[in-house]
Amino acid sequence: MPRTRALGLLLALLAGCTPVQPWERGTLAQPHMALDPHPLRSGWRTHVQATREGAPAAGLSEGGGCGCY
């Protein structure tokens, strides 16, 4: 029974894989398809949060904790 489930899962995963044609790559490269579509905004929010908390955010920088920008 576990083998048939594993085989079924493998077949389902392989069915989802398809080669991307060259003319389709532009569609996949759209900004809304990115993992972080707004990297500058995310970086700024991380900086502001780290500054207000007074603790480094994932080792990026240290803040004073005063709440100022």
C-alpha atoms as a PDB file:
ATOM      1  CA  MET A   1       0.000   0.000   0.000  1.00  0.00           C
ATOM      2  CA  PRO A   2       2.726   2.585   0.836  1.00  0.00           C
ATOM      3  CA  ARG A   3       4.475   1.838  -2.450  1.00  0.00           C
ATOM      4  CA  THR A   4       1.376   2.612  -4.460  1.00  0.00           C
ATOM      5  CA  ARG A   5       0.917   5.889  -2.597  1.00  0.00           C
ATOM      6  CA  ALA A   6       4.541   6.835  -3.176  1.00  0.00           C
ATOM      7  CA  LEU A   7       4.257   5.895  -6.851  1.00  0.00           C
ATOM      8  CA  GLY A   8       1.043   7.888  -7.174  1.00  0.00           C
ATOM      9  CA  LEU A   9       2.639  10.903  -5.532  1.00  0.00           C
ATOM     10  CA  LEU A  10       5.674  10.629  -7.777  1.00  0.00           C
ATOM     11  CA  LEU A  11       3.513  10.429 -10.886  1.00  0.00           C
ATOM     12  CA  ALA A  12       1.481  13.436  -9.752  1.00  0.00           C
ATOM     13  CA  LEU A  13       4.636  15.461  -9.180  1.00  0.00           C
ATOM     14  CA  LEU A  14       6.119  14.476 -12.511  1.00  0.00           C
ATOM     15  CA  ALA A  15       2.902  15.362 -14.314  1.00  0.00           C
ATOM     16  CA  GLY A  16       3.302  18.942 -13.078  1.00  0.00           C
ATOM     17  CA  CYS A  17       6.763  19.301 -14.610  1.00  0.00           C
ATOM     18  CA  THR A  18       6.831  20.674 -18.105  1.00  0.00           C
ATOM     19  CA  PRO A  19       9.511  22.351 -20.178  1.00  0.00           C
ATOM     20  CA  VAL A  20       9.124  26.104 -20.532  1.00  0.00           C
ATOM     21  CA  GLN A  21       9.155  27.346 -24.085  1.00  0.00           C
ATOM     22  CA  PRO A  22      11.280  30.409 -24.905  1.00  0.00           C
ATOM     23  CA  TRP A  23       8.235  32.576 -25.647  1.00  0.00           C
ATOM     24  CA  GLU A  24       6.717  31.667 -22.250  1.00  0.00           C
ATOM     25  CA  ARG A  25       9.713  32.780 -20.227  1.00  0.00           C
ATOM     26  CA  GLY A  26       8.722  36.436 -20.465  1.00  0.00           C
ATOM     27  CA  THR A  27       5.440  35.649 -18.752  1.00  0.00           C
ATOM     28  CA  LEU A  28       7.191  33.818 -15.938  1.00  0.00           C
ATOM     29  CA  ALA A  29       9.648  36.688 -15.469  1.00  0.00           C
ATOM     30  CA  GLN A  30       6.938  39.225 -14.607  1.00  0.00           C
ATOM     31  CA  PRO A  31       7.505  41.123 -11.344  1.00  0.00           C
ATOM     32  CA  HIS A  32       4.412  39.683  -9.677  1.00  0.00           C
ATOM     33  CA  MET A  33       5.880  36.185 -10.127  1.00  0.00           C
ATOM     34  CA  ALA A  34       8.946  37.003  -8.017  1.00  0.00           C
ATOM     35  CA  LEU A  35       9.321  35.664  -4.482  1.00  0.00           C
ATOM     36  CA  ASP A  36       9.751  39.218  -3.230  1.00  0.00           C
ATOM     37  CA  PRO A  37       8.136  41.568  -5.762  1.00  0.00           C
ATOM     38  CA  HIS A  38       9.152  44.691  -3.791  1.00  0.00           C
ATOM     39  CA  PRO A  39      12.692  44.095  -2.467  1.00  0.00           C
ATOM     40  CA  LEU A  40      13.371  47.762  -1.685  1.00  0.00           C
ATOM     41  CA  ARG A  41      10.158  48.106   0.306  1.00  0.00           C
ATOM     42  CA  SER A  42      10.868  44.874   2.166  1.00  0.00           C
ATOM     43  CA  GLY A  43      14.396  46.019   2.988  1.00  0.00           C
ATOM     44  CA  TRP A  44      13.116  49.335   4.305  1.00  0.00           C
ATOM     45  CA  ARG A  45      10.481  47.643   6.472  1.00  0.00           C
ATOM     46  CA  THR A  46      13.102  45.284   7.872  1.00  0.00           C
ATOM     47  CA  HIS A  47      15.356  48.230   8.670  1.00  0.00           C
ATOM     48  CA  VAL A  48      12.565  50.170  10.385  1.00  0.00           C
ATOM     49  CA  GLN A  49      11.480  47.138  12.407  1.00  0.00           C
ATOM     50  CA  ALA A  50      15.040  46.389  13.500  1.00  0.00           C
ATOM     51  CA  THR A  51      15.577  50.010  14.498  1.00  0.00           C
ATOM     52  CA  ARG A  52      12.425  50.164  16.556  1.00  0.00           C
ATOM     53  CA  GLU A  53      13.057  46.847  18.262  1.00  0.00           C
ATOM     54  CA  GLY A  54      16.678  47.638  18.992  1.00  0.00           C
ATOM     55  CA  ALA A  55      17.693  44.177  17.859  1.00  0.00           C
ATOM     56  CA  PRO A  56      19.371  42.966  14.700  1.00  0.00           C
ATOM     57  CA  ALA A  57      16.991  41.475  12.145  1.00  0.00           C
ATOM     58  CA  ALA A  58      18.601  38.226  11.034  1.00  0.00           C
ATOM     59  CA  GLY A  59      22.040  39.716  11.565  1.00  0.00           C
ATOM     60  CA  LEU A  60      21.599  42.517   9.019  1.00  0.00           C
ATOM     61  CA  SER A  61      22.119  45.535  11.230  1.00  0.00           C
ATOM     62  CA  GLU A  62      21.850  46.780  14.760  1.00  0.00           C
ATOM     63  CA  GLY A  63      19.382  49.379  15.881  1.00  0.00           C
ATOM     64  CA  GLY A  64      19.216  51.860  18.682  1.00  0.00           C
ATOM     65  CA  GLY A  65      15.665  51.125  19.745  1.00  0.00           C
ATOM     66  CA  CYS A  66      14.712  54.790  19.843  1.00  0.00           C
ATOM     67  CA  GLY A  67      11.931  54.399  17.264  1.00  0.00           C
ATOM     68  CA  CYS A  68      13.336  57.008  14.915  1.00  0.00           C
ATOM     69  CA  TYR A  69      13.907  56.341  11.259  1.00  0.00           C
END
